[in-house]
Amino acid sequence: MFLAMNRFKVRLGSEEDFERVWRERDSYLATVPGFVSFNLLRGATRDDHTLYASHSIWQSRAHFEEWTRSEAFRNAHRSAGGNKPLYVGHPELELFDSVIAQTGTEQAA
């Protein structure tokens, strides 16, 4: 399993617009080989921003990297530059390879 996460510092008062952008965009992810799931998470509010994290789970790093080179990726991100006024700073990309995995159906030993 591989996880790609972007952290966004969204300007106070822009949270609703930011969430609407994500809710209304076509991500094309459902058509991409190796895609497992996506979540947009809202975190703590600070003095000048609310923290958000988007994370997508992939079967492997190779699947994620193929996605970033695909036409579907370009289509999903074509209007991203227009959303810069919603952010404090730039989104921060973080990439993680799975080391240990456990599901809710497994019993702890």
PDB file of N, CA and C in Angstrom:
ATOM      1  N   MET A   1       0.843  -1.168   0.000  1.00  0.00           N
ATOM      2  CA  MET A   1       0.000   0.000   0.000  1.00  0.00           C
ATOM      3  C   MET A   1       0.892   1.236   0.000  1.00  0.00           C
ATOM      4  N   PHE A   2       0.407   2.286  -0.660  1.00  0.00           N
ATOM      5  CA  PHE A   2       1.126   3.550  -0.756  1.00  0.00           C
ATOM      6  C   PHE A   2       0.130   4.671  -0.541  1.00  0.00           C
ATOM      7  N   LEU A   3       0.536   5.692   0.219  1.00  0.00           N
ATOM      8  CA  LEU A   3      -0.338   6.813   0.507  1.00  0.00           C
ATOM      9  C   LEU A   3       0.308   8.106   0.037  1.00  0.00           C
ATOM     10  N   ALA A   4      -0.442   8.898  -0.699  1.00  0.00           N
ATOM     11  CA  ALA A   4       0.002  10.231  -1.128  1.00  0.00           C
ATOM     12  C   ALA A   4      -0.897  11.242  -0.419  1.00  0.00           C
ATOM     13  N   MET A   5      -0.263  12.192   0.285  1.00  0.00           N
ATOM     14  CA  MET A   5      -1.033  13.156   1.058  1.00  0.00           C
ATOM     15  C   MET A   5      -0.575  14.573   0.737  1.00  0.00           C
ATOM     16  N   ASN A   6      -1.534  15.436   0.513  1.00  0.00           N
ATOM     17  CA  ASN A   6      -1.274  16.868   0.369  1.00  0.00           C
ATOM     18  C   ASN A   6      -1.877  17.575   1.567  1.00  0.00           C
ATOM     19  N   ARG A   7      -1.091  18.456   2.164  1.00  0.00           N
ATOM     20  CA  ARG A   7      -1.581  19.278   3.280  1.00  0.00           C
ATOM     21  C   ARG A   7      -1.788  20.700   2.761  1.00  0.00           C
ATOM     22  N   PHE A   8      -2.957  21.249   3.061  1.00  0.00           N
ATOM     23  CA  PHE A   8      -3.327  22.589   2.605  1.00  0.00           C
ATOM     24  C   PHE A   8      -3.630  23.463   3.801  1.00  0.00           C
ATOM     25  N   LYS A   9      -3.082  24.660   3.823  1.00  0.00           N
ATOM     26  CA  LYS A   9      -3.444  25.672   4.802  1.00  0.00           C
ATOM     27  C   LYS A   9      -4.427  26.597   4.099  1.00  0.00           C
ATOM     28  N   VAL A  10      -5.695  26.477   4.462  1.00  0.00           N
ATOM     29  CA  VAL A  10      -6.765  27.220   3.792  1.00  0.00           C
ATOM     30  C   VAL A  10      -7.072  28.475   4.597  1.00  0.00           C
ATOM     31  N   ARG A  11      -7.067  29.602   3.897  1.00  0.00           N
ATOM     32  CA  ARG A  11      -7.327  30.895   4.547  1.00  0.00           C
ATOM     33  C   ARG A  11      -8.656  30.855   5.305  1.00  0.00           C
ATOM     34  N   LEU A  12      -8.660  31.457   6.482  1.00  0.00           N
ATOM     35  CA  LEU A  12      -9.889  31.537   7.264  1.00  0.00           C
ATOM     36  C   LEU A  12     -10.977  32.207   6.433  1.00  0.00           C
ATOM     37  N   GLY A  13     -12.152  31.637   6.462  1.00  0.00           N
ATOM     38  CA  GLY A  13     -13.273  32.147   5.684  1.00  0.00           C
ATOM     39  C   GLY A  13     -13.373  31.542   4.304  1.00  0.00           C
ATOM     40  N   SER A  14     -12.353  30.784   3.867  1.00  0.00           N
ATOM     41  CA  SER A  14     -12.357  30.166   2.541  1.00  0.00           C
ATOM     42  C   SER A  14     -12.640  28.663   2.590  1.00  0.00           C
ATOM     43  N   GLU A  15     -12.929  28.146   3.766  1.00  0.00           N
ATOM     44  CA  GLU A  15     -13.124  26.711   3.934  1.00  0.00           C
ATOM     45  C   GLU A  15     -14.262  26.173   3.066  1.00  0.00           C
ATOM     46  N   GLU A  16     -15.381  26.861   3.043  1.00  0.00           N
ATOM     47  CA  GLU A  16     -16.527  26.393   2.258  1.00  0.00           C
ATOM     48  C   GLU A  16     -16.191  26.350   0.770  1.00  0.00           C
ATOM     49  N   ASP A  17     -15.514  27.372   0.268  1.00  0.00           N
ATOM     50  CA  ASP A  17     -15.113  27.397  -1.149  1.00  0.00           C
ATOM     51  C   ASP A  17     -14.124  26.278  -1.451  1.00  0.00           C
ATOM     52  N   PHE A  18     -13.168  26.055  -0.550  1.00  0.00           N
ATOM     53  CA  PHE A  18     -12.184  24.996  -0.736  1.00  0.00           C
ATOM     54  C   PHE A  18     -12.871  23.626  -0.808  1.00  0.00           C
ATOM     55  N   GLU A  19     -13.771  23.370   0.119  1.00  0.00           N
ATOM     56  CA  GLU A  19     -14.475  22.090   0.124  1.00  0.00           C
ATOM     57  C   GLU A  19     -15.337  21.923  -1.123  1.00  0.00           C
ATOM     58  N   ARG A  20     -15.957  23.006  -1.588  1.00  0.00           N
ATOM     59  CA  ARG A  20     -16.781  22.939  -2.791  1.00  0.00           C
ATOM     60  C   ARG A  20     -15.939  22.577  -4.011  1.00  0.00           C
ATOM     61  N   VAL A  21     -14.739  23.149  -4.119  1.00  0.00           N
ATOM     62  CA  VAL A  21     -13.840  22.815  -5.233  1.00  0.00           C
ATOM     63  C   VAL A  21     -13.611  21.311  -5.273  1.00  0.00           C
ATOM     64  N   TRP A  22     -13.321  20.716  -4.133  1.00  0.00           N
ATOM     65  CA  TRP A  22     -13.039  19.280  -4.084  1.00  0.00           C
ATOM     66  C   TRP A  22     -14.290  18.454  -4.333  1.00  0.00           C
ATOM     67  N   ARG A  23     -15.423  18.901  -3.816  1.00  0.00           N
ATOM     68  CA  ARG A  23     -16.674  18.167  -3.961  1.00  0.00           C
ATOM     69  C   ARG A  23     -17.148  18.155  -5.419  1.00  0.00           C
ATOM     70  N   GLU A  24     -16.925  19.261  -6.133  1.00  0.00           N
ATOM     71  CA  GLU A  24     -17.478  19.406  -7.476  1.00  0.00           C
ATOM     72  C   GLU A  24     -16.527  19.016  -8.592  1.00  0.00           C
ATOM     73  N   ARG A  25     -15.260  18.794  -8.302  1.00  0.00           N
ATOM     74  CA  ARG A  25     -14.304  18.473  -9.364  1.00  0.00           C
ATOM     75  C   ARG A  25     -14.396  17.003  -9.747  1.00  0.00           C
ATOM     76  N   ASP A  26     -14.037  16.718 -10.973  1.00  0.00           N
ATOM     77  CA  ASP A  26     -13.945  15.336 -11.423  1.00  0.00           C
ATOM     78  C   ASP A  26     -12.494  14.914 -11.236  1.00  0.00           C
ATOM     79  N   SER A  27     -12.253  13.982 -10.338  1.00  0.00           N
ATOM     80  CA  SER A  27     -10.890  13.574 -10.025  1.00  0.00           C
ATOM     81  C   SER A  27     -10.355  12.532 -11.000  1.00  0.00           C
ATOM     82  N   TYR A  28     -11.244  11.829 -11.699  1.00  0.00           N
ATOM     83  CA  TYR A  28     -10.883  10.762 -12.630  1.00  0.00           C
ATOM     84  C   TYR A  28     -10.239   9.566 -11.919  1.00  0.00           C
ATOM     85  N   LEU A  29     -10.172   9.575 -10.603  1.00  0.00           N
ATOM     86  CA  LEU A  29      -9.465   8.522  -9.880  1.00  0.00           C
ATOM     87  C   LEU A  29     -10.092   7.145 -10.079  1.00  0.00           C
ATOM     88  N   ALA A  30     -11.388   7.064 -10.172  1.00  0.00           N
ATOM     89  CA  ALA A  30     -12.061   5.770 -10.294  1.00  0.00           C
ATOM     90  C   ALA A  30     -11.635   5.015 -11.547  1.00  0.00           C
ATOM     91  N   THR A  31     -11.087   5.712 -12.516  1.00  0.00           N
ATOM     92  CA  THR A  31     -10.687   5.068 -13.776  1.00  0.00           C
ATOM     93  C   THR A  31      -9.212   4.682 -13.798  1.00  0.00           C
ATOM     94  N   VAL A  32      -8.486   4.974 -12.713  1.00  0.00           N
ATOM     95  CA  VAL A  32      -7.037   4.813 -12.715  1.00  0.00           C
ATOM     96  C   VAL A  32      -6.625   3.467 -12.105  1.00  0.00           C
ATOM     97  N   PRO A  33      -5.820   2.676 -12.820  1.00  0.00           N
ATOM     98  CA  PRO A  33      -5.349   1.401 -12.258  1.00  0.00           C
ATOM     99  C   PRO A  33      -4.557   1.617 -10.972  1.00  0.00           C
ATOM    100  N   GLY A  34      -4.828   0.779  -9.981  1.00  0.00           N
ATOM    101  CA  GLY A  34      -4.093   0.831  -8.729  1.00  0.00           C
ATOM    102  C   GLY A  34      -4.666   1.767  -7.689  1.00  0.00           C
ATOM    103  N   PHE A  35      -5.670   2.575  -8.041  1.00  0.00           N
ATOM    104  CA  PHE A  35      -6.292   3.482  -7.083  1.00  0.00           C
ATOM    105  C   PHE A  35      -7.152   2.681  -6.114  1.00  0.00           C
ATOM    106  N   VAL A  36      -7.047   2.996  -4.801  1.00  0.00           N
ATOM    107  CA  VAL A  36      -7.822   2.293  -3.787  1.00  0.00           C
ATOM    108  C   VAL A  36      -8.885   3.200  -3.168  1.00  0.00           C
ATOM    109  N   SER A  37      -8.469   4.377  -2.651  1.00  0.00           N
ATOM    110  CA  SER A  37      -9.444   5.266  -2.011  1.00  0.00           C
ATOM    111  C   SER A  37      -8.894   6.682  -1.897  1.00  0.00           C
ATOM    112  N   PHE A  38      -9.807   7.624  -1.609  1.00  0.00           N
ATOM    113  CA  PHE A  38      -9.461   9.033  -1.441  1.00  0.00           C
ATOM    114  C   PHE A  38     -10.243   9.581  -0.261  1.00  0.00           C
ATOM    115  N   ASN A  39      -9.628  10.479   0.498  1.00  0.00           N
ATOM    116  CA  ASN A  39     -10.305  11.198   1.577  1.00  0.00           C
ATOM    117  C   ASN A  39      -9.803  12.633   1.616  1.00  0.00           C
ATOM    118  N   LEU A  40     -10.718  13.553   1.923  1.00  0.00           N
ATOM    119  CA  LEU A  40     -10.347  14.932   2.227  1.00  0.00           C
ATOM    120  C   LEU A  40     -10.689  15.138   3.691  1.00  0.00           C
ATOM    121  N   LEU A  41      -9.702  15.540   4.472  1.00  0.00           N
ATOM    122  CA  LEU A  41      -9.859  15.670   5.921  1.00  0.00           C
ATOM    123  C   LEU A  41      -9.666  17.120   6.354  1.00  0.00           C
ATOM    124  N   ARG A  42     -10.506  17.562   7.292  1.00  0.00           N
ATOM    125  CA  ARG A  42     -10.361  18.903   7.856  1.00  0.00           C
ATOM    126  C   ARG A  42      -9.719  18.775   9.231  1.00  0.00           C
ATOM    127  N   GLY A  43      -8.719  19.594   9.481  1.00  0.00           N
ATOM    128  CA  GLY A  43      -8.011  19.553  10.757  1.00  0.00           C
ATOM    129  C   GLY A  43      -8.283  20.786  11.592  1.00  0.00           C
ATOM    130  N   ALA A  44      -7.303  21.142  12.369  1.00  0.00           N
ATOM    131  CA  ALA A  44      -7.424  22.242  13.324  1.00  0.00           C
ATOM    132  C   ALA A  44      -7.442  23.595  12.617  1.00  0.00           C
ATOM    133  N   THR A  45      -8.099  24.539  13.264  1.00  0.00           N
ATOM    134  CA  THR A  45      -8.086  25.931  12.815  1.00  0.00           C
ATOM    135  C   THR A  45      -7.063  26.684  13.650  1.00  0.00           C
ATOM    136  N   ARG A  46      -6.231  27.455  12.960  1.00  0.00           N
ATOM    137  CA  ARG A  46      -5.185  28.264  13.594  1.00  0.00           C
ATOM    138  C   ARG A  46      -5.533  29.741  13.416  1.00  0.00           C
ATOM    139  N   ASP A  47      -4.590  30.612  13.728  1.00  0.00           N
ATOM    140  CA  ASP A  47      -4.824  32.055  13.639  1.00  0.00           C
ATOM    141  C   ASP A  47      -5.176  32.518  12.233  1.00  0.00           C
ATOM    142  N   ASP A  48      -4.532  31.946  11.211  1.00  0.00           N
ATOM    143  CA  ASP A  48      -4.729  32.438   9.846  1.00  0.00           C
ATOM    144  C   ASP A  48      -5.188  31.372   8.851  1.00  0.00           C
ATOM    145  N   HIS A  49      -5.418  30.144   9.316  1.00  0.00           N
ATOM    146  CA  HIS A  49      -5.816  29.098   8.373  1.00  0.00           C
ATOM    147  C   HIS A  49      -6.483  27.916   9.078  1.00  0.00           C
ATOM    148  N   THR A  50      -7.149  27.091   8.262  1.00  0.00           N
ATOM    149  CA  THR A  50      -7.636  25.787   8.698  1.00  0.00           C
ATOM    150  C   THR A  50      -6.843  24.759   7.917  1.00  0.00           C
ATOM    151  N   LEU A  51      -6.346  23.754   8.602  1.00  0.00           N
ATOM    152  CA  LEU A  51      -5.541  22.720   7.971  1.00  0.00           C
ATOM    153  C   LEU A  51      -6.440  21.655   7.345  1.00  0.00           C
ATOM    154  N   TYR A  52      -6.135  21.292   6.113  1.00  0.00           N
ATOM    155  CA  TYR A  52      -6.804  20.194   5.414  1.00  0.00           C
ATOM    156  C   TYR A  52      -5.741  19.237   4.904  1.00  0.00           C
ATOM    157  N   ALA A  53      -6.117  17.984   4.762  1.00  0.00           N
ATOM    158  CA  ALA A  53      -5.238  16.996   4.143  1.00  0.00           C
ATOM    159  C   ALA A  53      -6.063  16.179   3.172  1.00  0.00           C
ATOM    160  N   SER A  54      -5.562  16.044   1.967  1.00  0.00           N
ATOM    161  CA  SER A  54      -6.168  15.102   1.024  1.00  0.00           C
ATOM    162  C   SER A  54      -5.239  13.906   0.991  1.00  0.00           C
ATOM    163  N   HIS A  55      -5.814  12.709   1.029  1.00  0.00           N
ATOM    164  CA  HIS A  55      -4.930  11.563   0.882  1.00  0.00           C
ATOM    165  C   HIS A  55      -5.582  10.504   0.016  1.00  0.00           C
ATOM    166  N   SER A  56      -4.740   9.975  -0.847  1.00  0.00           N
ATOM    167  CA  SER A  56      -5.176   8.900  -1.727  1.00  0.00           C
ATOM    168  C   SER A  56      -4.334   7.671  -1.422  1.00  0.00           C
ATOM    169  N   ILE A  57      -4.990   6.537  -1.437  1.00  0.00           N
ATOM    170  CA  ILE A  57      -4.318   5.265  -1.180  1.00  0.00           C
ATOM    171  C   ILE A  57      -4.245   4.504  -2.496  1.00  0.00           C
ATOM    172  N   TRP A  58      -3.078   3.940  -2.730  1.00  0.00           N
ATOM    173  CA  TRP A  58      -2.770   3.236  -3.970  1.00  0.00           C
ATOM    174  C   TRP A  58      -2.256   1.835  -3.658  1.00  0.00           C
ATOM    175  N   GLN A  59      -2.369   0.956  -4.612  1.00  0.00           N
ATOM    176  CA  GLN A  59      -1.837  -0.393  -4.429  1.00  0.00           C
ATOM    177  C   GLN A  59      -0.314  -0.366  -4.316  1.00  0.00           C
ATOM    178  N   SER A  60       0.324   0.598  -4.977  1.00  0.00           N
ATOM    179  CA  SER A  60       1.789   0.688  -4.936  1.00  0.00           C
ATOM    180  C   SER A  60       2.233   2.098  -5.310  1.00  0.00           C
ATOM    181  N   ARG A  61       3.486   2.401  -4.999  1.00  0.00           N
ATOM    182  CA  ARG A  61       4.080   3.672  -5.406  1.00  0.00           C
ATOM    183  C   ARG A  61       4.085   3.786  -6.928  1.00  0.00           C
ATOM    184  N   ALA A  62       4.363   2.677  -7.609  1.00  0.00           N
ATOM    185  CA  ALA A  62       4.393   2.685  -9.075  1.00  0.00           C
ATOM    186  C   ALA A  62       3.042   3.101  -9.646  1.00  0.00           C
ATOM    187  N   HIS A  63       1.945   2.626  -9.063  1.00  0.00           N
ATOM    188  CA  HIS A  63       0.615   3.027  -9.534  1.00  0.00           C
ATOM    189  C   HIS A  63       0.413   4.533  -9.368  1.00  0.00           C
ATOM    190  N   PHE A  64       0.817   5.057  -8.204  1.00  0.00           N
ATOM    191  CA  PHE A  64       0.686   6.497  -7.984  1.00  0.00           C
ATOM    192  C   PHE A  64       1.513   7.278  -9.000  1.00  0.00           C
ATOM    193  N   GLU A  65       2.743   6.863  -9.216  1.00  0.00           N
ATOM    194  CA  GLU A  65       3.608   7.569 -10.160  1.00  0.00           C
ATOM    195  C   GLU A  65       3.049   7.508 -11.576  1.00  0.00           C
ATOM    196  N   GLU A  66       2.460   6.389 -11.949  1.00  0.00           N
ATOM    197  CA  GLU A  66       1.812   6.299 -13.272  1.00  0.00           C
ATOM    198  C   GLU A  66       0.662   7.286 -13.363  1.00  0.00           C
ATOM    199  N   TRP A  67      -0.111   7.409 -12.286  1.00  0.00           N
ATOM    200  CA  TRP A  67      -1.218   8.378 -12.246  1.00  0.00           C
ATOM    201  C   TRP A  67      -0.709   9.789 -12.480  1.00  0.00           C
ATOM    202  N   THR A  68       0.420  10.161 -11.849  1.00  0.00           N
ATOM    203  CA  THR A  68       0.927  11.528 -11.982  1.00  0.00           C
ATOM    204  C   THR A  68       1.410  11.836 -13.395  1.00  0.00           C
ATOM    205  N   ARG A  69       1.648  10.821 -14.195  1.00  0.00           N
ATOM    206  CA  ARG A  69       2.082  11.031 -15.584  1.00  0.00           C
ATOM    207  C   ARG A  69       0.935  10.860 -16.582  1.00  0.00           C
ATOM    208  N   SER A  70      -0.268  10.637 -16.096  1.00  0.00           N
ATOM    209  CA  SER A  70      -1.392  10.300 -16.965  1.00  0.00           C
ATOM    210  C   SER A  70      -2.178  11.530 -17.435  1.00  0.00           C
ATOM    211  N   GLU A  71      -2.923  11.328 -18.482  1.00  0.00           N
ATOM    212  CA  GLU A  71      -3.840  12.352 -18.980  1.00  0.00           C
ATOM    213  C   GLU A  71      -4.927  12.628 -17.942  1.00  0.00           C
ATOM    214  N   ALA A  72      -5.353  11.591 -17.225  1.00  0.00           N
ATOM    215  CA  ALA A  72      -6.365  11.761 -16.179  1.00  0.00           C
ATOM    216  C   ALA A  72      -5.868  12.719 -15.097  1.00  0.00           C
ATOM    217  N   PHE A  73      -4.595  12.615 -14.719  1.00  0.00           N
ATOM    218  CA  PHE A  73      -4.003  13.519 -13.730  1.00  0.00           C
ATOM    219  C   PHE A  73      -4.027  14.953 -14.253  1.00  0.00           C
ATOM    220  N   ARG A  74      -3.605  15.149 -15.486  1.00  0.00           N
ATOM    221  CA  ARG A  74      -3.600  16.499 -16.065  1.00  0.00           C
ATOM    222  C   ARG A  74      -5.013  17.068 -16.099  1.00  0.00           C
ATOM    223  N   ASN A  75      -5.991  16.256 -16.468  1.00  0.00           N
ATOM    224  CA  ASN A  75      -7.377  16.718 -16.503  1.00  0.00           C
ATOM    225  C   ASN A  75      -7.885  17.085 -15.109  1.00  0.00           C
ATOM    226  N   ALA A  76      -7.561  16.263 -14.115  1.00  0.00           N
ATOM    227  CA  ALA A  76      -8.030  16.499 -12.748  1.00  0.00           C
ATOM    228  C   ALA A  76      -7.426  17.762 -12.136  1.00  0.00           C
ATOM    229  N   HIS A  77      -6.229  18.151 -12.589  1.00  0.00           N
ATOM    230  CA  HIS A  77      -5.526  19.284 -11.994  1.00  0.00           C
ATOM    231  C   HIS A  77      -5.465  20.519 -12.892  1.00  0.00           C
ATOM    232  N   ARG A  78      -6.163  20.507 -14.001  1.00  0.00           N
ATOM    233  CA  ARG A  78      -6.029  21.596 -14.974  1.00  0.00           C
ATOM    234  C   ARG A  78      -6.427  22.961 -14.437  1.00  0.00           C
ATOM    235  N   SER A  79      -7.340  23.036 -13.487  1.00  0.00           N
ATOM    236  CA  SER A  79      -7.748  24.355 -12.979  1.00  0.00           C
ATOM    237  C   SER A  79      -7.226  24.621 -11.567  1.00  0.00           C
ATOM    238  N   ALA A  80      -6.295  23.810 -11.090  1.00  0.00           N
ATOM    239  CA  ALA A  80      -5.791  23.947  -9.716  1.00  0.00           C
ATOM    240  C   ALA A  80      -5.169  25.311  -9.452  1.00  0.00           C
ATOM    241  N   GLY A  81      -4.498  25.901 -10.427  1.00  0.00           N
ATOM    242  CA  GLY A  81      -3.847  27.193 -10.237  1.00  0.00           C
ATOM    243  C   GLY A  81      -4.816  28.300  -9.875  1.00  0.00           C
ATOM    244  N   GLY A  82      -6.048  28.183 -10.302  1.00  0.00           N
ATOM    245  CA  GLY A  82      -7.051  29.194 -10.003  1.00  0.00           C
ATOM    246  C   GLY A  82      -7.496  29.208  -8.552  1.00  0.00           C
ATOM    247  N   ASN A  83      -7.091  28.188  -7.789  1.00  0.00           N
ATOM    248  CA  ASN A  83      -7.496  28.099  -6.386  1.00  0.00           C
ATOM    249  C   ASN A  83      -6.459  28.660  -5.417  1.00  0.00           C
ATOM    250  N   LYS A  84      -5.358  29.178  -5.924  1.00  0.00           N
ATOM    251  CA  LYS A  84      -4.282  29.682  -5.062  1.00  0.00           C
ATOM    252  C   LYS A  84      -4.751  30.724  -4.044  1.00  0.00           C
ATOM    253  N   PRO A  85      -5.709  31.601  -4.384  1.00  0.00           N
ATOM    254  CA  PRO A  85      -6.144  32.587  -3.383  1.00  0.00           C
ATOM    255  C   PRO A  85      -6.758  31.958  -2.122  1.00  0.00           C
ATOM    256  N   LEU A  86      -7.137  30.677  -2.182  1.00  0.00           N
ATOM    257  CA  LEU A  86      -7.724  30.019  -1.021  1.00  0.00           C
ATOM    258  C   LEU A  86      -6.672  29.592   0.004  1.00  0.00           C
ATOM    259  N   TYR A  87      -5.404  29.547  -0.397  1.00  0.00           N
ATOM    260  CA  TYR A  87      -4.347  28.959   0.429  1.00  0.00           C
ATOM    261  C   TYR A  87      -3.453  29.993   1.093  1.00  0.00           C
ATOM    262  N   VAL A  88      -2.893  29.591   2.216  1.00  0.00           N
ATOM    263  CA  VAL A  88      -1.776  30.285   2.847  1.00  0.00           C
ATOM    264  C   VAL A  88      -0.562  29.435   2.475  1.00  0.00           C
ATOM    265  N   GLY A  89       0.301  29.931   1.632  1.00  0.00           N
ATOM    266  CA  GLY A  89       1.459  29.151   1.189  1.00  0.00           C
ATOM    267  C   GLY A  89       1.082  28.110   0.143  1.00  0.00           C
ATOM    268  N   HIS A  90       1.995  27.184  -0.090  1.00  0.00           N
ATOM    269  CA  HIS A  90       1.799  26.132  -1.085  1.00  0.00           C
ATOM    270  C   HIS A  90       1.366  24.835  -0.413  1.00  0.00           C
ATOM    271  N   PRO A  91       0.583  23.996  -1.114  1.00  0.00           N
ATOM    272  CA  PRO A  91       0.288  22.670  -0.573  1.00  0.00           C
ATOM    273  C   PRO A  91       1.594  21.894  -0.363  1.00  0.00           C
ATOM    274  N   GLU A  92       1.598  21.033   0.639  1.00  0.00           N
ATOM    275  CA  GLU A  92       2.783  20.233   0.958  1.00  0.00           C
ATOM    276  C   GLU A  92       2.484  18.767   0.658  1.00  0.00           C
ATOM    277  N   LEU A  93       3.204  18.206  -0.308  1.00  0.00           N
ATOM    278  CA  LEU A  93       3.034  16.807  -0.679  1.00  0.00           C
ATOM    279  C   LEU A  93       3.897  15.925   0.209  1.00  0.00           C
ATOM    280  N   GLU A  94       3.289  14.871   0.740  1.00  0.00           N
ATOM    281  CA  GLU A  94       4.001  13.892   1.549  1.00  0.00           C
ATOM    282  C   GLU A  94       3.650  12.510   1.020  1.00  0.00           C
ATOM    283  N   LEU A  95       4.654  11.646   0.870  1.00  0.00           N
ATOM    284  CA  LEU A  95       4.466  10.318   0.297  1.00  0.00           C
ATOM    285  C   LEU A  95       4.904   9.260   1.305  1.00  0.00           C
ATOM    286  N   PHE A  96       4.113   8.193   1.434  1.00  0.00           N
ATOM    287  CA  PHE A  96       4.375   7.170   2.440  1.00  0.00           C
ATOM    288  C   PHE A  96       4.225   5.770   1.854  1.00  0.00           C
ATOM    289  N   ASP A  97       5.218   4.917   2.115  1.00  0.00           N
ATOM    290  CA  ASP A  97       5.130   3.497   1.795  1.00  0.00           C
ATOM    291  C   ASP A  97       4.657   2.770   3.049  1.00  0.00           C
ATOM    292  N   SER A  98       3.759   1.813   2.878  1.00  0.00           N
ATOM    293  CA  SER A  98       3.245   1.041   4.004  1.00  0.00           C
ATOM    294  C   SER A  98       4.335   0.143   4.580  1.00  0.00           C
ATOM    295  N   VAL A  99       4.432   0.136   5.894  1.00  0.00           N
ATOM    296  CA  VAL A  99       5.372  -0.722   6.601  1.00  0.00           C
ATOM    297  C   VAL A  99       4.595  -1.820   7.341  1.00  0.00           C
ATOM    298  N   ILE A 100       3.514  -1.424   8.007  1.00  0.00           N
ATOM    299  CA  ILE A 100       2.635  -2.355   8.720  1.00  0.00           C
ATOM    300  C   ILE A 100       1.204  -1.993   8.351  1.00  0.00           C
ATOM    301  N   ALA A 101       0.385  -2.981   8.070  1.00  0.00           N
ATOM    302  CA  ALA A 101      -1.017  -2.736   7.749  1.00  0.00           C
ATOM    303  C   ALA A 101      -1.900  -3.635   8.617  1.00  0.00           C
ATOM    304  N   GLN A 102      -2.985  -3.084   9.121  1.00  0.00           N
ATOM    305  CA  GLN A 102      -3.942  -3.845   9.912  1.00  0.00           C
ATOM    306  C   GLN A 102      -5.315  -3.331   9.548  1.00  0.00           C
ATOM    307  N   THR A 103      -6.285  -4.189   9.470  1.00  0.00           N
ATOM    308  CA  THR A 103      -7.655  -3.782   9.152  1.00  0.00           C
ATOM    309  C   THR A 103      -8.524  -3.922  10.390  1.00  0.00           C
ATOM    310  N   GLY A 104      -9.693  -3.342  10.322  1.00  0.00           N
ATOM    311  CA  GLY A 104     -10.641  -3.409  11.436  1.00  0.00           C
ATOM    312  C   GLY A 104     -11.191  -4.795  11.673  1.00  0.00           C
ATOM    313  N   THR A 105     -11.031  -5.688  10.722  1.00  0.00           N
ATOM    314  CA  THR A 105     -11.549  -7.051  10.873  1.00  0.00           C
ATOM    315  C   THR A 105     -10.549  -7.981  11.547  1.00  0.00           C
ATOM    316  N   GLU A 106      -9.316  -7.514  11.713  1.00  0.00           N
ATOM    317  CA  GLU A 106      -8.286  -8.338  12.367  1.00  0.00           C
ATOM    318  C   GLU A 106      -8.381  -8.173  13.874  1.00  0.00           C
ATOM    319  N   GLN A 107      -8.173  -9.255  14.608  1.00  0.00           N
ATOM    320  CA  GLN A 107      -8.150  -9.186  16.066  1.00  0.00           C
ATOM    321  C   GLN A 107      -6.729  -8.947  16.535  1.00  0.00           C
ATOM    322  N   ALA A 108      -6.585  -8.095  17.525  1.00  0.00           N
ATOM    323  CA  ALA A 108      -5.262  -7.837  18.083  1.00  0.00           C
ATOM    324  C   ALA A 108      -4.760  -9.074  18.812  1.00  0.00           C
ATOM    325  N   ALA A 109      -3.481  -9.335  18.690  1.00  0.00           N
ATOM    326  CA  ALA A 109      -2.910 -10.523  19.350  1.00  0.00           C
ATOM    327  C   ALA A 109      -2.591 -10.239  20.788  1.00  0.00           C
TER     328      ALA A 109
END
